[in-house]
Amino acid sequence: MNKTEIGKAIEVRRKTLDITQARLAKLSGVSVHTVSNIETGGGNVTLDTLLRVAGVLGFRVEVGT
């Protein structure tokens, strides 16, 4: 998956769970701006940040080579 596809999957899951960007940011310990960047595929998000956001939403993330 590329950044845009990951961001869209996170946005869809967040909306399915009826969680606002602000609530997701608080639960994952990141800023609302960071959540927005992830969802739009923008910015340079660290793997740690992506894992925290994805974890709150119940995603399992596999990192391969």
Protein backbone atom coordinates (compact mmCIF):
# COMPACT_ATOMS: atom_id res chain seq x y z
CA MET A 1 0.00 0.00 0.00
CA ASN A 2 1.16 3.53 -0.64
CA LYS A 3 0.70 6.55 1.64
CA THR A 4 -2.55 7.60 0.00
CA GLU A 5 -4.09 4.13 0.29
CA ILE A 6 -3.02 3.81 3.93
CA GLY A 7 -4.46 7.22 4.69
CA LYS A 8 -7.78 6.38 3.03
CA ALA A 9 -8.03 3.09 4.94
CA ILE A 10 -7.39 4.92 8.21
CA GLU A 11 -9.99 7.56 7.37
CA VAL A 12 -12.62 4.96 6.45
CA ARG A 13 -11.97 2.94 9.62
CA ARG A 14 -12.09 6.08 11.79
CA LYS A 15 -15.41 7.11 10.29
CA THR A 16 -16.80 3.56 10.58
CA LEU A 17 -15.98 3.67 14.30
CA ASP A 18 -17.53 7.17 14.52
CA ILE A 19 -14.34 8.72 15.90
CA THR A 20 -13.42 12.31 15.12
CA GLN A 21 -9.92 13.26 14.02
CA ALA A 22 -9.54 15.10 17.33
CA ARG A 23 -10.50 12.01 19.34
CA LEU A 24 -8.19 9.77 17.33
CA ALA A 25 -5.37 12.25 17.83
CA LYS A 26 -5.91 12.29 21.59
CA LEU A 27 -6.16 8.51 21.86
CA SER A 28 -3.00 7.98 19.84
CA GLY A 29 -1.00 10.85 21.35
CA VAL A 30 -0.49 12.82 18.16
CA SER A 31 -1.78 16.14 16.87
CA VAL A 32 -4.95 16.58 14.82
CA HIS A 33 -2.71 17.96 12.08
CA THR A 34 -0.80 14.67 12.04
CA VAL A 35 -4.02 12.64 11.75
CA SER A 36 -5.12 14.87 8.89
CA ASN A 37 -1.74 14.45 7.17
CA ILE A 38 -1.96 10.67 7.48
CA GLU A 39 -5.47 10.57 6.06
CA THR A 40 -4.55 12.71 3.06
CA GLY A 41 -1.25 10.92 2.43
CA GLY A 42 0.68 14.11 3.10
CA GLY A 43 3.62 14.93 5.28
CA ASN A 44 6.36 12.64 6.48
CA VAL A 45 4.84 10.53 9.20
CA THR A 46 7.14 8.27 11.19
CA LEU A 47 6.47 4.56 11.41
CA ASP A 48 6.00 4.91 15.18
CA THR A 49 3.29 7.51 14.69
CA LEU A 50 1.55 5.44 12.03
CA LEU A 51 1.64 2.37 14.29
CA ARG A 52 0.10 4.31 17.19
CA VAL A 53 -2.75 5.68 15.07
CA ALA A 54 -3.36 2.34 13.36
CA GLY A 55 -3.30 0.53 16.69
CA VAL A 56 -6.04 2.71 18.14
CA LEU A 57 -8.20 1.81 15.16
CA GLY A 58 -7.52 -1.90 15.54
CA PHE A 59 -5.31 -2.32 12.50
CA ARG A 60 -2.53 -4.85 12.47
CA VAL A 61 0.49 -3.47 10.65
CA GLU A 62 3.09 -5.71 9.06
CA VAL A 63 6.37 -4.25 7.95
CA GLY A 64 8.08 -6.26 5.23
CA THR A 65 11.16 -5.93 3.13
